[in-house]
Amino acid sequence: MSETNQLRDVYDAIADPTRRRLIRLLAEAEEIPLHELTAQFQMGRTAVSKHLTILKEAGLVHDRKVGRETRFRLNATPLKEIQDWVAFYSKFWGVNLLRLNQLLEEEEE
């Protein structure tokens, strides 16, 4: 878990395809009202709100009230934890695939 005291694990939050789609929609816009997000899914407002709550608990989404409307925006900072984790294994596989390639070239000779 990152240094912020998050209520929910970032990996858990992005595990669901609906939440990943919400993240993508929020990444493509500066801020989106709940009704516009809901229109992108074949589920009700309550279901979309539950997914947004999970993303909020992981620190991935911020919201603010504008009159009677709630607007959401992405906070991508917690995704850095995932990027760092994937980068470690990317280096691991890069090195090991290079070794495998060298071994295969030596066997051909």
PDB file of N, CA and C in Angstrom:
ATOM      1  N   MET A   1       0.864  -1.171   0.000  1.00  0.00           N
ATOM      2  CA  MET A   1       0.000   0.000   0.000  1.00  0.00           C
ATOM      3  C   MET A   1       0.908   1.232   0.000  1.00  0.00           C
ATOM      4  N   SER A   2       0.514   2.278  -0.656  1.00  0.00           N
ATOM      5  CA  SER A   2       1.331   3.481  -0.739  1.00  0.00           C
ATOM      6  C   SER A   2       1.311   4.246   0.574  1.00  0.00           C
ATOM      7  N   GLU A   3       2.109   5.332   0.616  1.00  0.00           N
ATOM      8  CA  GLU A   3       2.244   6.058   1.879  1.00  0.00           C
ATOM      9  C   GLU A   3       0.965   6.746   2.346  1.00  0.00           C
ATOM     10  N   THR A   4       0.058   7.046   1.424  1.00  0.00           N
ATOM     11  CA  THR A   4      -1.211   7.618   1.869  1.00  0.00           C
ATOM     12  C   THR A   4      -2.028   6.517   2.522  1.00  0.00           C
ATOM     13  N   ASN A   5      -2.768   6.852   3.527  1.00  0.00           N
ATOM     14  CA  ASN A   5      -3.534   5.862   4.272  1.00  0.00           C
ATOM     15  C   ASN A   5      -4.853   5.595   3.556  1.00  0.00           C
ATOM     16  N   GLN A   6      -4.783   4.791   2.520  1.00  0.00           N
ATOM     17  CA  GLN A   6      -5.962   4.517   1.706  1.00  0.00           C
ATOM     18  C   GLN A   6      -6.820   3.448   2.359  1.00  0.00           C
ATOM     19  N   LEU A   7      -8.115   3.555   2.157  1.00  0.00           N
ATOM     20  CA  LEU A   7      -9.050   2.581   2.708  1.00  0.00           C
ATOM     21  C   LEU A   7      -9.097   1.309   1.873  1.00  0.00           C
ATOM     22  N   ARG A   8      -8.737   1.394   0.602  1.00  0.00           N
ATOM     23  CA  ARG A   8      -8.839   0.247  -0.294  1.00  0.00           C
ATOM     24  C   ARG A   8      -7.558   0.144  -1.121  1.00  0.00           C
ATOM     25  N   ASP A   9      -7.165  -1.073  -1.387  1.00  0.00           N
ATOM     26  CA  ASP A   9      -5.981  -1.352  -2.188  1.00  0.00           C
ATOM     27  C   ASP A   9      -6.215  -0.932  -3.642  1.00  0.00           C
ATOM     28  N   VAL A  10      -5.223  -0.292  -4.236  1.00  0.00           N
ATOM     29  CA  VAL A  10      -5.339   0.175  -5.621  1.00  0.00           C
ATOM     30  C   VAL A  10      -5.514  -1.006  -6.571  1.00  0.00           C
ATOM     31  N   TYR A  11      -4.809  -2.100  -6.303  1.00  0.00           N
ATOM     32  CA  TYR A  11      -4.922  -3.283  -7.164  1.00  0.00           C
ATOM     33  C   TYR A  11      -6.354  -3.827  -7.133  1.00  0.00           C
ATOM     34  N   ASP A  12      -6.945  -3.850  -5.965  1.00  0.00           N
ATOM     35  CA  ASP A  12      -8.331  -4.300  -5.820  1.00  0.00           C
ATOM     36  C   ASP A  12      -9.270  -3.363  -6.581  1.00  0.00           C
ATOM     37  N   ALA A  13      -9.000  -2.086  -6.501  1.00  0.00           N
ATOM     38  CA  ALA A  13      -9.870  -1.094  -7.141  1.00  0.00           C
ATOM     39  C   ALA A  13      -9.861  -1.225  -8.660  1.00  0.00           C
ATOM     40  N   ILE A  14      -8.713  -1.539  -9.251  1.00  0.00           N
ATOM     41  CA  ILE A  14      -8.652  -1.617 -10.717  1.00  0.00           C
ATOM     42  C   ILE A  14      -8.922  -3.025 -11.243  1.00  0.00           C
ATOM     43  N   ALA A  15      -9.192  -3.966 -10.349  1.00  0.00           N
ATOM     44  CA  ALA A  15      -9.424  -5.347 -10.767  1.00  0.00           C
ATOM     45  C   ALA A  15     -10.704  -5.511 -11.584  1.00  0.00           C
ATOM     46  N   ASP A  16     -11.650  -4.644 -11.403  1.00  0.00           N
ATOM     47  CA  ASP A  16     -12.941  -4.767 -12.074  1.00  0.00           C
ATOM     48  C   ASP A  16     -12.932  -4.016 -13.409  1.00  0.00           C
ATOM     49  N   PRO A  17     -13.405  -4.650 -14.490  1.00  0.00           N
ATOM     50  CA  PRO A  17     -13.412  -3.981 -15.794  1.00  0.00           C
ATOM     51  C   PRO A  17     -14.248  -2.697 -15.832  1.00  0.00           C
ATOM     52  N   THR A  18     -15.321  -2.652 -15.081  1.00  0.00           N
ATOM     53  CA  THR A  18     -16.147  -1.433 -15.047  1.00  0.00           C
ATOM     54  C   THR A  18     -15.354  -0.280 -14.447  1.00  0.00           C
ATOM     55  N   ARG A  19     -14.618  -0.559 -13.379  1.00  0.00           N
ATOM     56  CA  ARG A  19     -13.820   0.499 -12.753  1.00  0.00           C
ATOM     57  C   ARG A  19     -12.672   0.928 -13.654  1.00  0.00           C
ATOM     58  N   ARG A  20     -12.084  -0.014 -14.380  1.00  0.00           N
ATOM     59  CA  ARG A  20     -11.028   0.367 -15.331  1.00  0.00           C
ATOM     60  C   ARG A  20     -11.603   1.256 -16.428  1.00  0.00           C
ATOM     61  N   ARG A  21     -12.808   0.961 -16.861  1.00  0.00           N
ATOM     62  CA  ARG A  21     -13.457   1.805 -17.873  1.00  0.00           C
ATOM     63  C   ARG A  21     -13.762   3.191 -17.306  1.00  0.00           C
ATOM     64  N   LEU A  22     -14.207   3.252 -16.060  1.00  0.00           N
ATOM     65  CA  LEU A  22     -14.436   4.553 -15.418  1.00  0.00           C
ATOM     66  C   LEU A  22     -13.144   5.360 -15.361  1.00  0.00           C
ATOM     67  N   ILE A  23     -12.051   4.705 -15.018  1.00  0.00           N
ATOM     68  CA  ILE A  23     -10.754   5.386 -14.963  1.00  0.00           C
ATOM     69  C   ILE A  23     -10.403   5.944 -16.332  1.00  0.00           C
ATOM     70  N   ARG A  24     -10.617   5.139 -17.370  1.00  0.00           N
ATOM     71  CA  ARG A  24     -10.314   5.609 -18.730  1.00  0.00           C
ATOM     72  C   ARG A  24     -11.165   6.820 -19.096  1.00  0.00           C
ATOM     73  N   LEU A  25     -12.458   6.754 -18.812  1.00  0.00           N
ATOM     74  CA  LEU A  25     -13.342   7.885 -19.111  1.00  0.00           C
ATOM     75  C   LEU A  25     -12.897   9.137 -18.367  1.00  0.00           C
ATOM     76  N   LEU A  26     -12.527   8.968 -17.103  1.00  0.00           N
ATOM     77  CA  LEU A  26     -12.090  10.118 -16.317  1.00  0.00           C
ATOM     78  C   LEU A  26     -10.742  10.650 -16.800  1.00  0.00           C
ATOM     79  N   ALA A  27      -9.894   9.761 -17.316  1.00  0.00           N
ATOM     80  CA  ALA A  27      -8.590  10.196 -17.831  1.00  0.00           C
ATOM     81  C   ALA A  27      -8.736  11.016 -19.105  1.00  0.00           C
ATOM     82  N   GLU A  28      -9.799  10.756 -19.838  1.00  0.00           N
ATOM     83  CA  GLU A  28     -10.020  11.459 -21.105  1.00  0.00           C
ATOM     84  C   GLU A  28     -10.679  12.821 -20.929  1.00  0.00           C
ATOM     85  N   ALA A  29     -11.156  13.115 -19.736  1.00  0.00           N
ATOM     86  CA  ALA A  29     -11.831  14.393 -19.477  1.00  0.00           C
ATOM     87  C   ALA A  29     -11.284  14.978 -18.183  1.00  0.00           C
ATOM     88  N   GLU A  30     -11.372  16.269 -18.059  1.00  0.00           N
ATOM     89  CA  GLU A  30     -10.904  16.912 -16.832  1.00  0.00           C
ATOM     90  C   GLU A  30     -11.806  16.583 -15.654  1.00  0.00           C
ATOM     91  N   GLU A  31     -13.099  16.605 -15.921  1.00  0.00           N
ATOM     92  CA  GLU A  31     -14.086  16.359 -14.870  1.00  0.00           C
ATOM     93  C   GLU A  31     -15.396  15.936 -15.540  1.00  0.00           C
ATOM     94  N   ILE A  32     -16.080  14.956 -14.951  1.00  0.00           N
ATOM     95  CA  ILE A  32     -17.311  14.454 -15.552  1.00  0.00           C
ATOM     96  C   ILE A  32     -18.400  14.352 -14.482  1.00  0.00           C
ATOM     97  N   PRO A  33     -19.590  14.862 -14.772  1.00  0.00           N
ATOM     98  CA  PRO A  33     -20.712  14.706 -13.842  1.00  0.00           C
ATOM     99  C   PRO A  33     -21.176  13.251 -13.790  1.00  0.00           C
ATOM    100  N   LEU A  34     -21.749  12.867 -12.674  1.00  0.00           N
ATOM    101  CA  LEU A  34     -22.209  11.500 -12.477  1.00  0.00           C
ATOM    102  C   LEU A  34     -23.195  11.067 -13.556  1.00  0.00           C
ATOM    103  N   HIS A  35     -24.118  11.931 -13.938  1.00  0.00           N
ATOM    104  CA  HIS A  35     -25.114  11.524 -14.939  1.00  0.00           C
ATOM    105  C   HIS A  35     -24.471  11.212 -16.288  1.00  0.00           C
ATOM    106  N   GLU A  36     -23.375  11.897 -16.633  1.00  0.00           N
ATOM    107  CA  GLU A  36     -22.685  11.605 -17.892  1.00  0.00           C
ATOM    108  C   GLU A  36     -21.924  10.281 -17.806  1.00  0.00           C
ATOM    109  N   LEU A  37     -21.359  10.008 -16.657  1.00  0.00           N
ATOM    110  CA  LEU A  37     -20.686   8.712 -16.465  1.00  0.00           C
ATOM    111  C   LEU A  37     -21.698   7.576 -16.545  1.00  0.00           C
ATOM    112  N   THR A  38     -22.818   7.746 -15.872  1.00  0.00           N
ATOM    113  CA  THR A  38     -23.858   6.718 -15.854  1.00  0.00           C
ATOM    114  C   THR A  38     -24.354   6.416 -17.264  1.00  0.00           C
ATOM    115  N   ALA A  39     -24.440   7.425 -18.103  1.00  0.00           N
ATOM    116  CA  ALA A  39     -24.924   7.240 -19.475  1.00  0.00           C
ATOM    117  C   ALA A  39     -23.998   6.338 -20.298  1.00  0.00           C
ATOM    118  N   GLN A  40     -22.757   6.149 -19.855  1.00  0.00           N
ATOM    119  CA  GLN A  40     -21.789   5.325 -20.581  1.00  0.00           C
ATOM    120  C   GLN A  40     -21.910   3.832 -20.269  1.00  0.00           C
ATOM    121  N   PHE A  41     -22.791   3.480 -19.334  1.00  0.00           N
ATOM    122  CA  PHE A  41     -22.892   2.100 -18.869  1.00  0.00           C
ATOM    123  C   PHE A  41     -24.328   1.601 -18.959  1.00  0.00           C
ATOM    124  N   GLN A  42     -24.474   0.300 -19.053  1.00  0.00           N
ATOM    125  CA  GLN A  42     -25.801  -0.307 -19.033  1.00  0.00           C
ATOM    126  C   GLN A  42     -26.109  -0.778 -17.617  1.00  0.00           C
ATOM    127  N   MET A  43     -26.010   0.136 -16.701  1.00  0.00           N
ATOM    128  CA  MET A  43     -26.340  -0.117 -15.303  1.00  0.00           C
ATOM    129  C   MET A  43     -26.870   1.173 -14.721  1.00  0.00           C
ATOM    130  N   GLY A  44     -27.492   1.083 -13.589  1.00  0.00           N
ATOM    131  CA  GLY A  44     -28.085   2.255 -12.974  1.00  0.00           C
ATOM    132  C   GLY A  44     -27.078   3.158 -12.286  1.00  0.00           C
ATOM    133  N   ARG A  45     -27.574   4.303 -11.909  1.00  0.00           N
ATOM    134  CA  ARG A  45     -26.767   5.306 -11.232  1.00  0.00           C
ATOM    135  C   ARG A  45     -26.180   4.770  -9.923  1.00  0.00           C
ATOM    136  N   THR A  46     -26.953   3.985  -9.191  1.00  0.00           N
ATOM    137  CA  THR A  46     -26.485   3.440  -7.913  1.00  0.00           C
ATOM    138  C   THR A  46     -25.291   2.519  -8.124  1.00  0.00           C
ATOM    139  N   ALA A  47     -25.350   1.674  -9.143  1.00  0.00           N
ATOM    140  CA  ALA A  47     -24.247   0.754  -9.423  1.00  0.00           C
ATOM    141  C   ALA A  47     -22.981   1.518  -9.816  1.00  0.00           C
ATOM    142  N   VAL A  48     -23.124   2.527 -10.661  1.00  0.00           N
ATOM    143  CA  VAL A  48     -21.971   3.340 -11.061  1.00  0.00           C
ATOM    144  C   VAL A  48     -21.409   4.056  -9.834  1.00  0.00           C
ATOM    145  N   SER A  49     -22.280   4.569  -8.987  1.00  0.00           N
ATOM    146  CA  SER A  49     -21.841   5.254  -7.765  1.00  0.00           C
ATOM    147  C   SER A  49     -21.046   4.329  -6.852  1.00  0.00           C
ATOM    148  N   LYS A  50     -21.471   3.067  -6.763  1.00  0.00           N
ATOM    149  CA  LYS A  50     -20.738   2.099  -5.931  1.00  0.00           C
ATOM    150  C   LYS A  50     -19.329   1.888  -6.468  1.00  0.00           C
ATOM    151  N   HIS A  51     -19.195   1.779  -7.784  1.00  0.00           N
ATOM    152  CA  HIS A  51     -17.865   1.632  -8.383  1.00  0.00           C
ATOM    153  C   HIS A  51     -17.014   2.877  -8.132  1.00  0.00           C
ATOM    154  N   LEU A  52     -17.622   4.043  -8.258  1.00  0.00           N
ATOM    155  CA  LEU A  52     -16.896   5.286  -8.001  1.00  0.00           C
ATOM    156  C   LEU A  52     -16.462   5.387  -6.537  1.00  0.00           C
ATOM    157  N   THR A  53     -17.264   4.886  -5.629  1.00  0.00           N
ATOM    158  CA  THR A  53     -16.910   4.885  -4.209  1.00  0.00           C
ATOM    159  C   THR A  53     -15.673   4.029  -3.970  1.00  0.00           C
ATOM    160  N   ILE A  54     -15.608   2.886  -4.610  1.00  0.00           N
ATOM    161  CA  ILE A  54     -14.431   2.022  -4.470  1.00  0.00           C
ATOM    162  C   ILE A  54     -13.193   2.732  -5.014  1.00  0.00           C
ATOM    163  N   LEU A  55     -13.330   3.399  -6.149  1.00  0.00           N
ATOM    164  CA  LEU A  55     -12.201   4.155  -6.705  1.00  0.00           C
ATOM    165  C   LEU A  55     -11.801   5.311  -5.794  1.00  0.00           C
ATOM    166  N   LYS A  56     -12.801   5.945  -5.179  1.00  0.00           N
ATOM    167  CA  LYS A  56     -12.525   7.022  -4.220  1.00  0.00           C
ATOM    168  C   LYS A  56     -11.755   6.507  -3.014  1.00  0.00           C
ATOM    169  N   GLU A  57     -12.179   5.360  -2.487  1.00  0.00           N
ATOM    170  CA  GLU A  57     -11.517   4.774  -1.321  1.00  0.00           C
ATOM    171  C   GLU A  57     -10.063   4.417  -1.605  1.00  0.00           C
ATOM    172  N   ALA A  58      -9.762   4.131  -2.857  1.00  0.00           N
ATOM    173  CA  ALA A  58      -8.387   3.823  -3.259  1.00  0.00           C
ATOM    174  C   ALA A  58      -7.605   5.084  -3.598  1.00  0.00           C
ATOM    175  N   GLY A  59      -8.257   6.238  -3.527  1.00  0.00           N
ATOM    176  CA  GLY A  59      -7.588   7.506  -3.819  1.00  0.00           C
ATOM    177  C   GLY A  59      -7.484   7.817  -5.300  1.00  0.00           C
ATOM    178  N   LEU A  60      -8.161   7.041  -6.136  1.00  0.00           N
ATOM    179  CA  LEU A  60      -8.058   7.226  -7.581  1.00  0.00           C
ATOM    180  C   LEU A  60      -9.022   8.269  -8.139  1.00  0.00           C
ATOM    181  N   VAL A  61     -10.037   8.613  -7.373  1.00  0.00           N
ATOM    182  CA  VAL A  61     -11.062   9.553  -7.841  1.00  0.00           C
ATOM    183  C   VAL A  61     -11.342  10.587  -6.757  1.00  0.00           C
ATOM    184  N   HIS A  62     -11.510  11.813  -7.198  1.00  0.00           N
ATOM    185  CA  HIS A  62     -11.960  12.901  -6.321  1.00  0.00           C
ATOM    186  C   HIS A  62     -13.310  13.368  -6.846  1.00  0.00           C
ATOM    187  N   ASP A  63     -14.138  13.844  -5.941  1.00  0.00           N
ATOM    188  CA  ASP A  63     -15.419  14.384  -6.371  1.00  0.00           C
ATOM    189  C   ASP A  63     -15.652  15.737  -5.723  1.00  0.00           C
ATOM    190  N   ARG A  64     -16.554  16.483  -6.328  1.00  0.00           N
ATOM    191  CA  ARG A  64     -16.951  17.770  -5.756  1.00  0.00           C
ATOM    192  C   ARG A  64     -18.378  18.047  -6.166  1.00  0.00           C
ATOM    193  N   LYS A  65     -19.070  18.726  -5.291  1.00  0.00           N
ATOM    194  CA  LYS A  65     -20.457  19.111  -5.547  1.00  0.00           C
ATOM    195  C   LYS A  65     -20.476  20.453  -6.261  1.00  0.00           C
ATOM    196  N   VAL A  66     -21.272  20.534  -7.303  1.00  0.00           N
ATOM    197  CA  VAL A  66     -21.527  21.786  -8.009  1.00  0.00           C
ATOM    198  C   VAL A  66     -23.044  21.901  -8.073  1.00  0.00           C
ATOM    199  N   GLY A  67     -23.608  22.653  -7.143  1.00  0.00           N
ATOM    200  CA  GLY A  67     -25.062  22.711  -7.017  1.00  0.00           C
ATOM    201  C   GLY A  67     -25.573  21.356  -6.576  1.00  0.00           C
ATOM    202  N   ARG A  68     -26.491  20.786  -7.340  1.00  0.00           N
ATOM    203  CA  ARG A  68     -27.048  19.465  -7.014  1.00  0.00           C
ATOM    204  C   ARG A  68     -26.293  18.342  -7.723  1.00  0.00           C
ATOM    205  N   GLU A  69     -25.279  18.697  -8.478  1.00  0.00           N
ATOM    206  CA  GLU A  69     -24.558  17.741  -9.301  1.00  0.00           C
ATOM    207  C   GLU A  69     -23.228  17.359  -8.640  1.00  0.00           C
ATOM    208  N   THR A  70     -22.849  16.095  -8.766  1.00  0.00           N
ATOM    209  CA  THR A  70     -21.539  15.641  -8.302  1.00  0.00           C
ATOM    210  C   THR A  70     -20.669  15.396  -9.517  1.00  0.00           C
ATOM    211  N   ARG A  71     -19.500  15.998  -9.502  1.00  0.00           N
ATOM    212  CA  ARG A  71     -18.548  15.853 -10.605  1.00  0.00           C
ATOM    213  C   ARG A  71     -17.346  15.070 -10.115  1.00  0.00           C
ATOM    214  N   PHE A  72     -16.817  14.227 -10.993  1.00  0.00           N
ATOM    215  CA  PHE A  72     -15.704  13.363 -10.649  1.00  0.00           C
ATOM    216  C   PHE A  72     -14.504  13.661 -11.531  1.00  0.00           C
ATOM    217  N   ARG A  73     -13.307  13.479 -10.944  1.00  0.00           N
ATOM    218  CA  ARG A  73     -12.069  13.626 -11.713  1.00  0.00           C
ATOM    219  C   ARG A  73     -11.075  12.578 -11.242  1.00  0.00           C
ATOM    220  N   LEU A  74     -10.179  12.227 -12.116  1.00  0.00           N
ATOM    221  CA  LEU A  74      -9.195  11.195 -11.839  1.00  0.00           C
ATOM    222  C   LEU A  74      -8.020  11.754 -11.052  1.00  0.00           C
ATOM    223  N   ASN A  75      -7.552  10.989 -10.094  1.00  0.00           N
ATOM    224  CA  ASN A  75      -6.285  11.250  -9.424  1.00  0.00           C
ATOM    225  C   ASN A  75      -5.398  10.056  -9.749  1.00  0.00           C
ATOM    226  N   ALA A  76      -4.523  10.196 -10.735  1.00  0.00           N
ATOM    227  CA  ALA A  76      -3.733   9.068 -11.233  1.00  0.00           C
ATOM    228  C   ALA A  76      -2.531   8.734 -10.354  1.00  0.00           C
ATOM    229  N   THR A  77      -2.242   9.543  -9.359  1.00  0.00           N
ATOM    230  CA  THR A  77      -1.063   9.321  -8.518  1.00  0.00           C
ATOM    231  C   THR A  77      -0.982   7.910  -7.948  1.00  0.00           C
ATOM    232  N   PRO A  78      -2.061   7.329  -7.411  1.00  0.00           N
ATOM    233  CA  PRO A  78      -1.954   5.967  -6.884  1.00  0.00           C
ATOM    234  C   PRO A  78      -1.607   4.913  -7.940  1.00  0.00           C
ATOM    235  N   LEU A  79      -1.822   5.216  -9.209  1.00  0.00           N
ATOM    236  CA  LEU A  79      -1.474   4.263 -10.267  1.00  0.00           C
ATOM    237  C   LEU A  79       0.041   4.109 -10.413  1.00  0.00           C
ATOM    238  N   LYS A  80       0.790   5.043  -9.851  1.00  0.00           N
ATOM    239  CA  LYS A  80       2.259   4.957  -9.883  1.00  0.00           C
ATOM    240  C   LYS A  80       2.732   3.690  -9.191  1.00  0.00           C
ATOM    241  N   GLU A  81       2.052   3.285  -8.128  1.00  0.00           N
ATOM    242  CA  GLU A  81       2.393   2.052  -7.417  1.00  0.00           C
ATOM    243  C   GLU A  81       2.328   0.856  -8.365  1.00  0.00           C
ATOM    244  N   ILE A  82       1.317   0.819  -9.205  1.00  0.00           N
ATOM    245  CA  ILE A  82       1.156  -0.271 -10.161  1.00  0.00           C
ATOM    246  C   ILE A  82       2.200  -0.164 -11.263  1.00  0.00           C
ATOM    247  N   GLN A  83       2.448   1.050 -11.710  1.00  0.00           N
ATOM    248  CA  GLN A  83       3.461   1.258 -12.743  1.00  0.00           C
ATOM    249  C   GLN A  83       4.826   0.777 -12.255  1.00  0.00           C
ATOM    250  N   ASP A  84       5.166   1.094 -11.024  1.00  0.00           N
ATOM    251  CA  ASP A  84       6.450   0.663 -10.468  1.00  0.00           C
ATOM    252  C   ASP A  84       6.533  -0.855 -10.367  1.00  0.00           C
ATOM    253  N   TRP A  85       5.428  -1.489  -9.967  1.00  0.00           N
ATOM    254  CA  TRP A  85       5.392  -2.940  -9.836  1.00  0.00           C
ATOM    255  C   TRP A  85       5.583  -3.607 -11.202  1.00  0.00           C
ATOM    256  N   VAL A  86       4.871  -3.104 -12.210  1.00  0.00           N
ATOM    257  CA  VAL A  86       4.982  -3.659 -13.553  1.00  0.00           C
ATOM    258  C   VAL A  86       6.376  -3.397 -14.123  1.00  0.00           C
ATOM    259  N   ALA A  87       6.947  -2.234 -13.855  1.00  0.00           N
ATOM    260  CA  ALA A  87       8.283  -1.901 -14.364  1.00  0.00           C
ATOM    261  C   ALA A  87       9.332  -2.875 -13.842  1.00  0.00           C
ATOM    262  N   PHE A  88       9.215  -3.278 -12.588  1.00  0.00           N
ATOM    263  CA  PHE A  88      10.158  -4.241 -12.018  1.00  0.00           C
ATOM    264  C   PHE A  88      10.130  -5.542 -12.821  1.00  0.00           C
ATOM    265  N   TYR A  89       8.935  -6.050 -13.093  1.00  0.00           N
ATOM    266  CA  TYR A  89       8.824  -7.308 -13.821  1.00  0.00           C
ATOM    267  C   TYR A  89       9.139  -7.141 -15.299  1.00  0.00           C
ATOM    268  N   SER A  90       8.942  -5.969 -15.812  1.00  0.00           N
ATOM    269  CA  SER A  90       9.307  -5.699 -17.193  1.00  0.00           C
ATOM    270  C   SER A  90      10.824  -5.827 -17.355  1.00  0.00           C
ATOM    271  N   LYS A  91      11.573  -5.269 -16.403  1.00  0.00           N
ATOM    272  CA  LYS A  91      13.039  -5.405 -16.422  1.00  0.00           C
ATOM    273  C   LYS A  91      13.427  -6.876 -16.294  1.00  0.00           C
ATOM    274  N   PHE A  92      12.776  -7.589 -15.383  1.00  0.00           N
ATOM    275  CA  PHE A  92      13.050  -9.004 -15.159  1.00  0.00           C
ATOM    276  C   PHE A  92      12.892  -9.794 -16.456  1.00  0.00           C
ATOM    277  N   TRP A  93      11.761  -9.593 -17.145  1.00  0.00           N
ATOM    278  CA  TRP A  93      11.521 -10.342 -18.374  1.00  0.00           C
ATOM    279  C   TRP A  93      12.430  -9.877 -19.491  1.00  0.00           C
ATOM    280  N   GLY A  94      12.744  -8.616 -19.537  1.00  0.00           N
ATOM    281  CA  GLY A  94      13.652  -8.112 -20.566  1.00  0.00           C
ATOM    282  C   GLY A  94      15.017  -8.768 -20.465  1.00  0.00           C
ATOM    283  N   VAL A  95      15.549  -8.852 -19.263  1.00  0.00           N
ATOM    284  CA  VAL A  95      16.855  -9.477 -19.035  1.00  0.00           C
ATOM    285  C   VAL A  95      16.788 -10.968 -19.348  1.00  0.00           C
ATOM    286  N   ASN A  96      15.758 -11.636 -18.873  1.00  0.00           N
ATOM    287  CA  ASN A  96      15.652 -13.079 -19.089  1.00  0.00           C
ATOM    288  C   ASN A  96      15.400 -13.437 -20.551  1.00  0.00           C
ATOM    289  N   LEU A  97      14.648 -12.639 -21.257  1.00  0.00           N
ATOM    290  CA  LEU A  97      14.441 -12.904 -22.681  1.00  0.00           C
ATOM    291  C   LEU A  97      15.721 -12.667 -23.467  1.00  0.00           C
ATOM    292  N   LEU A  98      16.503 -11.703 -23.057  1.00  0.00           N
ATOM    293  CA  LEU A  98      17.802 -11.465 -23.692  1.00  0.00           C
ATOM    294  C   LEU A  98      18.712 -12.672 -23.476  1.00  0.00           C
ATOM    295  N   ARG A  99      18.733 -13.205 -22.254  1.00  0.00           N
ATOM    296  CA  ARG A  99      19.535 -14.398 -21.959  1.00  0.00           C
ATOM    297  C   ARG A  99      19.065 -15.588 -22.798  1.00  0.00           C
ATOM    298  N   LEU A 100      17.764 -15.761 -22.899  1.00  0.00           N
ATOM    299  CA  LEU A 100      17.218 -16.854 -23.691  1.00  0.00           C
ATOM    300  C   LEU A 100      17.630 -16.712 -25.149  1.00  0.00           C
ATOM    301  N   ASN A 101      17.562 -15.523 -25.660  1.00  0.00           N
ATOM    302  CA  ASN A 101      17.960 -15.259 -27.038  1.00  0.00           C
ATOM    303  C   ASN A 101      19.430 -15.610 -27.247  1.00  0.00           C
ATOM    304  N   GLN A 102      20.279 -15.229 -26.296  1.00  0.00           N
ATOM    305  CA  GLN A 102      21.702 -15.546 -26.404  1.00  0.00           C
ATOM    306  C   GLN A 102      21.936 -17.058 -26.388  1.00  0.00           C
ATOM    307  N   LEU A 103      21.216 -17.769 -25.510  1.00  0.00           N
ATOM    308  CA  LEU A 103      21.350 -19.220 -25.448  1.00  0.00           C
ATOM    309  C   LEU A 103      20.919 -19.880 -26.758  1.00  0.00           C
ATOM    310  N   LEU A 104      19.846 -19.410 -27.338  1.00  0.00           N
ATOM    311  CA  LEU A 104      19.363 -19.970 -28.599  1.00  0.00           C
ATOM    312  C   LEU A 104      20.346 -19.707 -29.733  1.00  0.00           C
ATOM    313  N   GLU A 105      20.955 -18.530 -29.742  1.00  0.00           N
ATOM    314  CA  GLU A 105      21.952 -18.213 -30.766  1.00  0.00           C
ATOM    315  C   GLU A 105      23.185 -19.087 -30.607  1.00  0.00           C
ATOM    316  N   GLU A 106      23.584 -19.360 -29.344  1.00  0.00           N
ATOM    317  CA  GLU A 106      24.751 -20.222 -29.107  1.00  0.00           C
ATOM    318  C   GLU A 106      24.469 -21.652 -29.550  1.00  0.00           C
ATOM    319  N   GLU A 107      23.244 -22.125 -29.357  1.00  0.00           N
ATOM    320  CA  GLU A 107      22.893 -23.484 -29.775  1.00  0.00           C
ATOM    321  C   GLU A 107      22.886 -23.628 -31.279  1.00  0.00           C
ATOM    322  N   GLU A 108      22.544 -22.567 -32.002  1.00  0.00           N
ATOM    323  CA  GLU A 108      22.519 -22.608 -33.457  1.00  0.00           C
ATOM    324  C   GLU A 108      23.907 -22.701 -34.034  1.00  0.00           C
ATOM    325  N   GLU A 109      24.889 -22.180 -33.337  1.00  0.00           N
ATOM    326  CA  GLU A 109      26.265 -22.158 -33.857  1.00  0.00           C
ATOM    327  C   GLU A 109      26.958 -23.463 -33.732  1.00  0.00           C
TER     328      GLU A 109
END
